[in-house]
Amino acid sequence: MMVAMSTYDLPRRPRRLRQNAAMRALTAETRLHPADFILPMFVADGIEEKREITSMPGVYQHTTDSLKALCHEALEAGVKCIDLFGVPLDEDKDATGSVAWDPEGVLNRNLRALREEFGNDLLIMADTCLDEFTDHGHCGALSTDRYGNQFVDNDATLPLYAQMAVSQAEAGAHIVSPSGMMDGQIAVIREALDQAGHQDVAIMAYSAKYASKFFGPFRDAVGSSLQGDRRTYQQDPANIRESLLETELDLDEGADFVMVKPALPYLDVLSQVAEISPVPVAAYQVSGEYAMMVAAGRNGWIDFEETMMESLMSIKRAGADQILTYYAIEAAKELK
């Protein structure tokens, strides 16, 4: 005679491990820590006080003074790395983005100010890309083909990246982060840094950077002059094998970190990159991801803080060792 088994007789009840906060903390498989976060920041020329970015509520273009103040707040919260983007005056932009390697340009000037302020207590990463500095808004130098069409010239751009990276290292950057998706950029930058005596400056490679519409608010943040798109050099959202190839190439060329950008729409890519990478893997929770959650929270459609923390956990769970997020300080405080 068969006897029906009571639910209380089941040998395994997963819910036993979810019954209270202490048990959930004990059995958590994934943990966030303030040191996981990297805070992207914007410093702008020609402003006398920090200016909120309309499409990214709570995020600002900074002056040198407000930049330093927020970095102190980040460090106190446990965030030990920032990623700095420079926003030059429109009149300082040109076809090659030459203000990017000017020692007195907005980015290098502020890298130097932060290194003098914080030494090695705060890791200072510099965005190594020309899109903020060119008058056409593309990430590299433009050339014209035989049919009269302009295109981003990969090989003409590489020496500009090398020059930019060396200037950032000389200004005090601990890490340079080439984000332009030019073939061969990591090898060229590594060689230039080493020849200039900056062997200790690390490279975070934007290895899987997609031509994404989630970047929209960022272009407001840096005052981009772009007309058109970047689909000829950023990756097609339809592809993943291409991302793995790009990652392998960057690793072969000497990348110290690799990155997936954006994060949430590309967690599958992040997971596979994390499986193959022998170096730390970063993911960038981009401006569009941040702005959508802020907007939904302000409309009362979601609990913004809880949703943001859930999203960061999902990025970590998918394999990220570091997470670039505009919510870094708030998240770090939440974890304390």
Foldseek 3Di string as FASTA:
>chain_A
DDDDDDPVPDPDDPCVQVVDDVSCVVPPPFDDALQQEEEEAEEEPDDDAWDAQPLQPPHTHGHLVVVLVVVVLSLVLPHAEYEYDYAYDLVQAAQALVLLLVCPRRQLVSLLVVCVVQPNRHAYEYEQFRQLRHLARARGHWDADPVGDIDHDLVRGQVVSLSNLCSNVVSPHLEYEYDRQRPPNLLSNCVSCVVSPNNRRAYEYAQQFAQDPLQVSVCSRRVGNHDDGNPVRHDHPVDQVSSLVSLVSNVVSPHQEYEHPAFPVVLVSQLVSLVPDPHAYEHENHSSNSSVLVVCCVVVNDVSVVVVLVSVRSSVVSHHSHYYDNCSSVVSNVVD
